[in-house]
C-alpha atoms as a PDB file:
ATOM      1  CA  UNK A   1       0.117   0.067   0.269  1.00  0.00           C
ATOM      2  CA  UNK A   2       1.096   3.451  -0.063  1.00  0.00           C
ATOM      3  CA  UNK A   3       1.238   6.164   2.089  1.00  0.00           C
ATOM      4  CA  UNK A   4      -1.864   8.107   0.716  1.00  0.00           C
ATOM      5  CA  UNK A   5      -3.833   5.088   0.960  1.00  0.00           C
ATOM      6  CA  UNK A   6      -2.778   4.522   4.768  1.00  0.00           C
ATOM      7  CA  UNK A   7      -3.884   8.047   5.007  1.00  0.00           C
ATOM      8  CA  UNK A   8      -6.943   7.894   3.959  1.00  0.00           C
ATOM      9  CA  UNK A   9      -7.561   5.035   5.315  1.00  0.00           C
ATOM     10  CA  UNK A  10      -6.826   6.905   9.230  1.00  0.00           C
ATOM     11  CA  UNK A  11      -8.964   9.963   8.394  1.00  0.00           C
ATOM     12  CA  UNK A  12     -11.275   9.081  10.838  1.00  0.00           C
ATOM     13  CA  UNK A  13      -9.217   9.286  13.216  1.00  0.00           C
ATOM     14  CA  UNK A  14      -7.420  12.659  15.091  1.00  0.00           C
ATOM     15  CA  UNK A  15      -3.893  13.356  14.060  1.00  0.00           C
ATOM     16  CA  UNK A  16      -2.013  12.289  17.752  1.00  0.00           C
ATOM     17  CA  UNK A  17      -3.570   9.302  18.992  1.00  0.00           C
ATOM     18  CA  UNK A  18      -3.873   7.724  22.097  1.00  0.00           C
ATOM     19  CA  UNK A  19      -2.713   3.828  23.038  1.00  0.00           C
ATOM     20  CA  UNK A  20      -6.221   2.296  22.730  1.00  0.00           C
ATOM     21  CA  UNK A  21      -6.136   4.534  18.878  1.00  0.00           C
ATOM     22  CA  UNK A  22      -3.200   2.703  18.017  1.00  0.00           C
ATOM     23  CA  UNK A  23      -4.689  -0.689  19.435  1.00  0.00           C
ATOM     24  CA  UNK A  24      -7.278  -0.554  17.422  1.00  0.00           C
ATOM     25  CA  UNK A  25      -5.913   0.381  13.892  1.00  0.00           C
ATOM     26  CA  UNK A  26      -3.496  -1.741  14.642  1.00  0.00           C
ATOM     27  CA  UNK A  27      -5.982  -4.755  14.652  1.00  0.00           C
ATOM     28  CA  UNK A  28      -7.573  -4.907  17.719  1.00  0.00           C
ATOM     29  CA  UNK A  29      -4.240  -6.165  19.377  1.00  0.00           C
ATOM     30  CA  UNK A  30      -4.165  -5.677  23.391  1.00  0.00           C
ATOM     31  CA  UNK A  31      -3.326  -2.227  25.313  1.00  0.00           C
ATOM     32  CA  UNK A  32      -0.373  -4.790  26.509  1.00  0.00           C
ATOM     33  CA  UNK A  33       1.199  -5.048  23.149  1.00  0.00           C
ATOM     34  CA  UNK A  34       0.615  -1.745  22.253  1.00  0.00           C
ATOM     35  CA  UNK A  35       2.532  -0.685  25.345  1.00  0.00           C
ATOM     36  CA  UNK A  36       5.607  -2.860  24.234  1.00  0.00           C
ATOM     37  CA  UNK A  37       5.685  -1.716  20.924  1.00  0.00           C
ATOM     38  CA  UNK A  38       6.155   1.716  21.905  1.00  0.00           C
ATOM     39  CA  UNK A  39       8.302   1.009  24.505  1.00  0.00           C
ATOM     40  CA  UNK A  40      10.385  -1.323  22.564  1.00  0.00           C
ATOM     41  CA  UNK A  41      10.274   1.821  20.101  1.00  0.00           C
ATOM     42  CA  UNK A  42       9.198  -0.248  17.369  1.00  0.00           C
ATOM     43  CA  UNK A  43       5.724   2.565  17.137  1.00  0.00           C
ATOM     44  CA  UNK A  44       7.738   6.218  17.606  1.00  0.00           C
ATOM     45  CA  UNK A  45       5.674   7.956  20.398  1.00  0.00           C
ATOM     46  CA  UNK A  46       6.018  11.182  22.560  1.00  0.00           C
ATOM     47  CA  UNK A  47       5.769  10.772  26.539  1.00  0.00           C
ATOM     48  CA  UNK A  48       3.316  13.478  27.937  1.00  0.00           C
ATOM     49  CA  UNK A  49       3.187  13.585  31.575  1.00  0.00           C
ATOM     50  CA  UNK A  50       1.838   9.979  32.032  1.00  0.00           C
ATOM     51  CA  UNK A  51       0.774   8.432  28.934  1.00  0.00           C
ATOM     52  CA  UNK A  52       2.044   8.453  25.243  1.00  0.00           C
ATOM     53  CA  UNK A  53       0.578   9.877  21.968  1.00  0.00           C
ATOM     54  CA  UNK A  54       1.275   8.435  18.396  1.00  0.00           C
ATOM     55  CA  UNK A  55       1.114  10.994  15.477  1.00  0.00           C
ATOM     56  CA  UNK A  56      -1.046   9.256  12.586  1.00  0.00           C
ATOM     57  CA  UNK A  57       1.966   9.984  10.621  1.00  0.00           C
ATOM     58  CA  UNK A  58       4.016   7.339  13.320  1.00  0.00           C
ATOM     59  CA  UNK A  59       1.655   5.047  12.397  1.00  0.00           C
ATOM     60  CA  UNK A  60       2.068   4.981   8.664  1.00  0.00           C
ATOM     61  CA  UNK A  61       5.482   4.811   8.521  1.00  0.00           C
ATOM     62  CA  UNK A  62       5.503   1.706  10.654  1.00  0.00           C
ATOM     63  CA  UNK A  63       2.846   0.185   8.842  1.00  0.00           C
ATOM     64  CA  UNK A  64       4.949   0.941   6.254  1.00  0.00           C
ATOM     65  CA  UNK A  65       8.000  -0.742   7.116  1.00  0.00           C
ATOM     66  CA  UNK A  66       6.081  -3.893   8.374  1.00  0.00           C
ATOM     67  CA  UNK A  67       4.776  -3.899   4.692  1.00  0.00           C
ATOM     68  CA  UNK A  68       8.274  -4.339   2.981  1.00  0.00           C
END
C-alpha cells in the first residue's frame, strides 16, 4: 500500500492518537502489546506526562515498514 492510501484509511482518527486508538488501528491488539511496541521503539511516540501519544504519520511509517 502507498502512504496516501494509509492516510485515507486513518482519516476518521485525530492527528495525535492515544494507545487505545493505536491498538484499534493495528487490528485490535491488546493495550499491553501496544505498550510493548511503544517501549521497544517499534513505533515512534511522545510521552506526555504519564501517557503515550502517537501521531498518525508514525503509525503510517510503521505500517509501511511492516509491509516491506
